[in-house]
């Protein structure tokens, strides 16, 4: 799946979420939004790191935050299909 397909898929999931809006989804949506912000913050750190010793840390942080975000989206998607 390329980046454009991922973005379209993520956009569809979030739009679907906003339409259903069950009480238990509110917490899930907050978690997804927090994970997205964490991922964006990690990418910002990586882009601005100036110390060579911190590059590996920044890469790890970006990858971990991205995986967390993807995991939460998959969890939401599987729960919304039930």
N, C-alpha and C. Protein backbone atom coordinates (compact mmCIF):
# COMPACT_ATOMS: atom_id res chain seq x y z
N UNK A 1 0.86 -1.17 0.00
CA UNK A 1 0.00 0.00 0.00
C UNK A 1 0.90 1.23 0.00
N UNK A 2 0.70 2.12 -0.95
CA UNK A 2 1.54 3.31 -1.01
C UNK A 2 1.00 4.37 -0.05
N UNK A 3 1.76 5.45 0.08
CA UNK A 3 1.41 6.51 1.04
C UNK A 3 0.06 7.14 0.74
N UNK A 4 -0.26 7.33 -0.53
CA UNK A 4 -1.53 7.95 -0.89
C UNK A 4 -2.69 7.04 -0.49
N UNK A 5 -2.54 5.75 -0.75
CA UNK A 5 -3.59 4.80 -0.37
C UNK A 5 -3.76 4.76 1.14
N UNK A 6 -2.63 4.82 1.88
CA UNK A 6 -2.70 4.83 3.34
C UNK A 6 -3.46 6.05 3.83
N UNK A 7 -3.15 7.22 3.24
CA UNK A 7 -3.81 8.46 3.65
C UNK A 7 -5.30 8.41 3.35
N UNK A 8 -5.66 7.88 2.19
CA UNK A 8 -7.07 7.77 1.82
C UNK A 8 -7.77 6.82 2.78
N UNK A 9 -7.13 5.69 3.07
CA UNK A 9 -7.71 4.71 3.98
C UNK A 9 -7.89 5.30 5.38
N UNK A 10 -6.88 5.99 5.87
CA UNK A 10 -6.95 6.62 7.19
C UNK A 10 -8.06 7.67 7.21
N UNK A 11 -8.15 8.45 6.14
CA UNK A 11 -9.19 9.48 6.06
C UNK A 11 -10.56 8.82 6.10
N UNK A 12 -10.75 7.73 5.38
CA UNK A 12 -12.04 7.03 5.38
C UNK A 12 -12.38 6.49 6.76
N UNK A 13 -11.40 5.94 7.45
CA UNK A 13 -11.63 5.41 8.80
C UNK A 13 -12.08 6.52 9.73
N UNK A 14 -11.38 7.66 9.69
CA UNK A 14 -11.73 8.76 10.57
C UNK A 14 -13.09 9.37 10.23
N UNK A 15 -13.43 9.45 8.96
CA UNK A 15 -14.74 9.97 8.57
C UNK A 15 -15.84 9.02 9.05
N UNK A 16 -15.60 7.72 8.90
CA UNK A 16 -16.55 6.71 9.38
C UNK A 16 -16.72 6.84 10.89
N UNK A 17 -15.62 7.08 11.58
CA UNK A 17 -15.67 7.23 13.03
C UNK A 17 -16.55 8.41 13.41
N UNK A 18 -16.36 9.53 12.76
CA UNK A 18 -17.11 10.74 13.10
C UNK A 18 -18.60 10.56 12.87
N UNK A 19 -18.98 9.72 11.90
CA UNK A 19 -20.39 9.52 11.61
C UNK A 19 -21.06 8.64 12.66
N UNK A 20 -20.37 7.61 13.15
CA UNK A 20 -20.96 6.69 14.12
C UNK A 20 -20.97 7.28 15.52
N UNK A 21 -19.83 7.74 15.98
CA UNK A 21 -19.64 8.45 17.24
C UNK A 21 -20.38 7.83 18.44
N UNK A 22 -20.04 6.58 18.76
CA UNK A 22 -20.55 5.93 19.96
C UNK A 22 -19.71 6.39 21.15
N UNK A 23 -20.26 6.33 22.37
CA UNK A 23 -19.50 6.79 23.54
C UNK A 23 -18.14 6.12 23.70
N UNK A 24 -18.06 4.80 23.45
CA UNK A 24 -16.76 4.14 23.58
C UNK A 24 -15.79 4.55 22.48
N UNK A 25 -16.33 5.07 21.38
CA UNK A 25 -15.49 5.55 20.28
C UNK A 25 -14.80 6.87 20.64
N UNK A 26 -15.41 7.65 21.54
CA UNK A 26 -14.80 8.92 21.93
C UNK A 26 -13.40 8.70 22.50
N UNK A 27 -13.27 7.71 23.37
CA UNK A 27 -11.96 7.41 23.96
C UNK A 27 -11.00 6.90 22.90
N UNK A 28 -11.51 6.04 22.00
CA UNK A 28 -10.68 5.51 20.92
C UNK A 28 -10.20 6.65 20.02
N UNK A 29 -11.10 7.57 19.69
CA UNK A 29 -10.74 8.69 18.83
C UNK A 29 -9.68 9.57 19.50
N UNK A 30 -9.84 9.81 20.78
CA UNK A 30 -8.84 10.60 21.52
C UNK A 30 -7.48 9.90 21.48
N UNK A 31 -7.48 8.59 21.67
CA UNK A 31 -6.23 7.82 21.62
C UNK A 31 -5.60 7.89 20.23
N UNK A 32 -6.42 7.80 19.20
CA UNK A 32 -5.91 7.88 17.82
C UNK A 32 -5.32 9.26 17.56
N UNK A 33 -6.02 10.29 17.97
CA UNK A 33 -5.52 11.66 17.76
C UNK A 33 -4.22 11.89 18.54
N UNK A 34 -4.15 11.37 19.76
CA UNK A 34 -2.92 11.51 20.55
C UNK A 34 -1.76 10.77 19.90
N UNK A 35 -2.03 9.59 19.36
CA UNK A 35 -0.98 8.81 18.69
C UNK A 35 -0.51 9.54 17.43
N UNK A 36 -1.45 10.14 16.72
CA UNK A 36 -1.08 10.91 15.51
C UNK A 36 -0.19 12.09 15.89
N UNK A 37 -0.55 12.79 16.95
CA UNK A 37 0.25 13.94 17.40
C UNK A 37 1.64 13.46 17.85
N UNK A 38 1.68 12.34 18.56
CA UNK A 38 2.96 11.78 19.00
C UNK A 38 3.85 11.45 17.81
N UNK A 39 3.25 10.89 16.76
CA UNK A 39 3.99 10.55 15.54
C UNK A 39 4.50 11.82 14.85
N UNK A 40 3.65 12.83 14.75
CA UNK A 40 4.07 14.09 14.13
C UNK A 40 5.19 14.76 14.94
N UNK A 41 5.08 14.71 16.26
CA UNK A 41 6.12 15.27 17.13
C UNK A 41 7.45 14.53 16.94
N UNK A 42 7.36 13.21 16.83
CA UNK A 42 8.57 12.40 16.64
C UNK A 42 9.23 12.72 15.30
N UNK A 43 8.41 12.90 14.25
CA UNK A 43 8.97 13.27 12.94
C UNK A 43 9.65 14.64 13.02
N UNK A 44 9.06 15.55 13.77
CA UNK A 44 9.64 16.88 13.94
C UNK A 44 10.98 16.79 14.66
N UNK A 45 11.04 15.97 15.70
CA UNK A 45 12.31 15.78 16.42
C UNK A 45 13.36 15.24 15.47
N UNK A 46 12.99 14.21 14.68
CA UNK A 46 13.93 13.62 13.74
C UNK A 46 14.45 14.66 12.74
N UNK A 47 13.56 15.48 12.22
CA UNK A 47 13.95 16.48 11.23
C UNK A 47 14.85 17.56 11.81
N UNK A 48 14.78 17.76 13.11
CA UNK A 48 15.53 18.85 13.72
C UNK A 48 16.67 18.41 14.63
N UNK A 49 16.90 17.10 14.72
CA UNK A 49 17.98 16.63 15.58
C UNK A 49 19.32 17.07 14.99
N UNK A 50 20.16 17.57 15.85
CA UNK A 50 21.46 18.05 15.36
C UNK A 50 22.64 17.26 15.93
N UNK A 51 22.39 16.50 16.97
CA UNK A 51 23.46 15.72 17.58
C UNK A 51 23.44 14.30 17.01
N UNK A 52 24.56 13.86 16.45
CA UNK A 52 24.62 12.53 15.84
C UNK A 52 24.20 11.41 16.80
N UNK A 53 24.46 11.57 18.07
CA UNK A 53 24.10 10.53 19.04
C UNK A 53 22.59 10.37 19.17
N UNK A 54 21.84 11.38 18.80
CA UNK A 54 20.39 11.33 18.95
C UNK A 54 19.66 10.85 17.69
N UNK A 55 20.36 10.66 16.59
CA UNK A 55 19.72 10.25 15.34
C UNK A 55 19.04 8.89 15.49
N UNK A 56 19.74 7.92 16.06
CA UNK A 56 19.14 6.59 16.24
C UNK A 56 17.91 6.66 17.13
N UNK A 57 18.01 7.44 18.18
CA UNK A 57 16.87 7.62 19.08
C UNK A 57 15.69 8.21 18.32
N UNK A 58 15.94 9.22 17.53
CA UNK A 58 14.88 9.89 16.78
C UNK A 58 14.23 8.93 15.77
N UNK A 59 15.04 8.12 15.11
CA UNK A 59 14.51 7.14 14.16
C UNK A 59 13.61 6.14 14.89
N UNK A 60 14.09 5.63 16.01
CA UNK A 60 13.31 4.68 16.80
C UNK A 60 11.98 5.29 17.22
N UNK A 61 12.03 6.54 17.67
CA UNK A 61 10.83 7.23 18.14
C UNK A 61 9.80 7.38 17.01
N UNK A 62 10.25 7.75 15.82
CA UNK A 62 9.35 7.90 14.67
C UNK A 62 8.71 6.57 14.33
N UNK A 63 9.52 5.52 14.23
CA UNK A 63 8.99 4.22 13.86
C UNK A 63 8.02 3.68 14.91
N UNK A 64 8.34 3.85 16.17
CA UNK A 64 7.47 3.37 17.24
C UNK A 64 6.14 4.12 17.24
N UNK A 65 6.19 5.43 17.08
CA UNK A 65 4.98 6.24 17.07
C UNK A 65 4.10 5.91 15.86
N UNK A 66 4.74 5.69 14.71
CA UNK A 66 3.99 5.32 13.51
C UNK A 66 3.28 3.98 13.70
N UNK A 67 3.98 3.00 14.25
CA UNK A 67 3.38 1.69 14.49
C UNK A 67 2.22 1.76 15.49
N UNK A 68 2.37 2.58 16.50
CA UNK A 68 1.29 2.75 17.48
C UNK A 68 0.06 3.34 16.79
N UNK A 69 0.25 4.34 15.97
CA UNK A 69 -0.84 4.99 15.25
C UNK A 69 -1.55 3.99 14.33
N UNK A 70 -0.77 3.24 13.58
CA UNK A 70 -1.33 2.24 12.67
C UNK A 70 -2.09 1.17 13.45
N UNK A 71 -1.53 0.72 14.56
CA UNK A 71 -2.18 -0.28 15.40
C UNK A 71 -3.55 0.22 15.88
N UNK A 72 -3.59 1.45 16.38
CA UNK A 72 -4.86 1.99 16.88
C UNK A 72 -5.89 2.13 15.77
N UNK A 73 -5.45 2.53 14.59
CA UNK A 73 -6.38 2.63 13.46
C UNK A 73 -6.94 1.26 13.09
N UNK A 74 -6.08 0.25 13.10
CA UNK A 74 -6.54 -1.11 12.79
C UNK A 74 -7.51 -1.60 13.85
N UNK A 75 -7.22 -1.29 15.11
CA UNK A 75 -8.11 -1.68 16.20
C UNK A 75 -9.48 -1.04 16.00
N UNK A 76 -9.49 0.23 15.69
CA UNK A 76 -10.76 0.92 15.47
C UNK A 76 -11.51 0.31 14.29
N UNK A 77 -10.79 0.07 13.21
CA UNK A 77 -11.41 -0.48 12.01
C UNK A 77 -12.01 -1.85 12.31
N UNK A 78 -11.29 -2.70 13.01
CA UNK A 78 -11.83 -4.03 13.30
C UNK A 78 -13.01 -3.95 14.26
N UNK A 79 -13.00 -3.03 15.19
CA UNK A 79 -14.12 -2.86 16.13
C UNK A 79 -15.34 -2.28 15.44
N UNK A 80 -15.14 -1.42 14.46
CA UNK A 80 -16.28 -0.80 13.78
C UNK A 80 -16.95 -1.76 12.80
N UNK A 81 -16.28 -2.84 12.44
CA UNK A 81 -16.85 -3.81 11.52
C UNK A 81 -17.69 -4.85 12.25
N UNK A 82 -17.60 -4.87 13.58
CA UNK A 82 -18.33 -5.89 14.36
C UNK A 82 -19.80 -5.52 14.43
